[in-house]
Amino acid sequence: MTKTQSLLNAAKLANEWEKVYAANRRPQFSFFMTMEREAEKMTRHYARSDISTWNDSAGNSISARVGDYHIVSYWDGEDILFIYQCEPDDEVSEVIGHDPLFSVAL
C-alpha cells in the first residue's frame, strides 16, 4: 500500500468517526462500540490493520491502523481526532503520543 493510499484511508476513517461523533453529542458506551464497528468496516480489507481501545484517568481512546503508514485515533478527554504517520513495523501503542500529522477538535 502506498503512503498516499494509507493517508486517504486515514482521512476516510477520521471523517466517518466525525460523523459518529456528530450523531452522538453525548458519547456513551455504545458510542465507542459504534466507532469500533466503523473502523472494522473500513479496515477489513487492509493487509495491515489493528484496532485498539483503552481508558485511563484522562479519558477513553480508540485507535485504528488504516494501512502501512497511518493511524487514526480519537480521545474523548478533549474530543480530539488525530492522524499519526507511522512505519509498517511500528506498533500502534508506540506511535500514539508522538506528534500527530493532523489533529482536530470536534
Protein backbone atom coordinates (compact mmCIF):
# COMPACT_ATOMS: atom_id res chain seq x y z
CA MET A 1 0.00 0.00 0.00
CA THR A 2 1.32 3.43 -0.89
CA LYS A 3 1.66 6.27 1.61
CA THR A 4 -0.92 8.25 -0.33
CA GLN A 5 -3.49 5.43 -0.17
CA SER A 6 -2.78 4.98 3.53
CA LEU A 7 -3.36 8.71 4.13
CA LEU A 8 -6.59 8.58 2.12
CA ASN A 9 -7.77 5.67 4.29
CA ALA A 10 -6.94 7.70 7.41
CA ALA A 11 -8.92 10.69 6.14
CA LYS A 12 -11.90 8.47 5.32
CA LEU A 13 -11.96 6.88 8.77
CA ALA A 14 -11.48 10.26 10.50
CA ASN A 15 -14.45 11.56 8.51
CA GLU A 16 -16.61 8.56 9.50
CA TRP A 17 -15.67 8.97 13.17
CA GLU A 18 -16.51 12.66 12.99
CA LYS A 19 -19.97 11.73 11.65
CA VAL A 20 -20.46 9.23 14.50
CA TYR A 21 -19.40 11.91 16.99
CA ALA A 22 -21.82 14.46 15.48
CA ALA A 23 -24.68 11.96 15.70
CA ASN A 24 -23.89 11.21 19.37
CA ARG A 25 -23.26 14.53 21.09
CA ARG A 26 -23.15 12.82 24.47
CA PRO A 27 -20.87 9.82 23.94
CA GLN A 28 -21.80 6.70 25.88
CA PHE A 29 -20.51 3.12 25.93
CA SER A 30 -22.32 2.32 22.68
CA PHE A 31 -20.56 5.31 21.12
CA PHE A 32 -17.19 3.53 21.30
CA MET A 33 -18.76 0.32 20.02
CA THR A 34 -20.05 2.28 17.01
CA MET A 35 -16.61 3.83 16.47
CA GLU A 36 -15.05 0.36 16.60
CA ARG A 37 -17.60 -1.03 14.11
CA GLU A 38 -16.83 1.83 11.69
CA ALA A 39 -13.10 1.11 11.99
CA GLU A 40 -13.67 -2.61 11.40
CA LYS A 41 -15.82 -1.87 8.36
CA MET A 42 -13.17 0.43 6.87
CA THR A 43 -10.18 -1.80 7.64
CA ARG A 44 -11.47 -5.28 6.91
CA HIS A 45 -9.74 -5.39 3.51
CA TYR A 46 -6.40 -3.95 4.63
CA ALA A 47 -3.45 -6.25 4.98
CA ARG A 48 -2.26 -4.23 8.00
CA SER A 49 -5.00 -3.23 10.39
CA ASP A 50 -5.15 -3.04 14.16
CA ILE A 51 -7.90 -1.53 16.30
CA SER A 52 -7.43 -0.91 19.99
CA THR A 53 -9.36 0.84 22.72
CA TRP A 54 -8.25 1.78 26.21
CA ASN A 55 -9.11 4.07 29.06
CA ASP A 56 -7.36 5.78 31.91
CA SER A 57 -7.97 8.71 34.21
CA ALA A 58 -7.51 11.13 31.28
CA GLY A 59 -10.31 9.56 29.22
CA ASN A 60 -11.13 6.88 26.69
CA SER A 61 -9.35 6.34 23.39
CA ILE A 62 -9.75 4.29 20.25
CA SER A 63 -7.05 3.92 17.62
CA ALA A 64 -7.00 2.14 14.28
CA ARG A 65 -4.18 1.42 11.86
CA VAL A 66 -5.60 2.07 8.42
CA GLY A 67 -2.71 0.91 6.30
CA ASP A 68 1.04 0.63 6.42
CA TYR A 69 1.70 4.30 7.16
CA HIS A 70 -1.15 5.87 9.15
CA ILE A 71 -3.10 5.51 12.38
CA VAL A 72 -6.31 7.33 13.29
CA SER A 73 -7.07 7.96 16.95
CA TYR A 74 -9.90 9.56 18.91
CA TRP A 75 -9.59 10.69 22.53
CA ASP A 76 -12.70 11.71 24.46
CA GLY A 77 -10.76 13.59 27.14
CA GLU A 78 -10.94 16.64 24.89
CA ASP A 79 -12.85 15.16 21.93
CA ILE A 80 -9.94 15.24 19.51
CA LEU A 81 -9.29 13.20 16.35
CA PHE A 82 -5.67 12.54 15.44
CA ILE A 83 -3.93 11.13 12.38
CA TYR A 84 -0.45 9.79 13.01
CA GLN A 85 2.15 8.80 10.47
CA CYS A 86 4.00 5.57 11.16
CA GLU A 87 6.16 2.94 9.54
CA PRO A 88 4.95 -0.53 8.57
CA ASP A 89 6.68 -2.20 11.54
CA ASP A 90 5.53 0.30 14.20
CA GLU A 91 3.05 -0.79 16.83
CA VAL A 92 0.04 1.46 17.41
CA SER A 93 0.99 1.97 21.05
CA GLU A 94 4.47 3.16 20.01
CA VAL A 95 3.09 5.83 17.69
CA ILE A 96 0.27 7.27 19.80
CA GLY A 97 1.61 10.05 21.94
CA HIS A 98 4.11 11.30 19.39
CA ASP A 99 3.37 14.44 17.41
CA PRO A 100 0.38 13.82 15.15
CA LEU A 101 0.39 14.58 11.45
CA PHE A 102 -3.08 16.10 11.89
CA SER A 103 -5.46 16.81 14.75
CA VAL A 104 -8.87 18.43 15.01
CA ALA A 105 -11.07 19.20 18.00
CA LEU A 106 -14.63 18.01 17.44
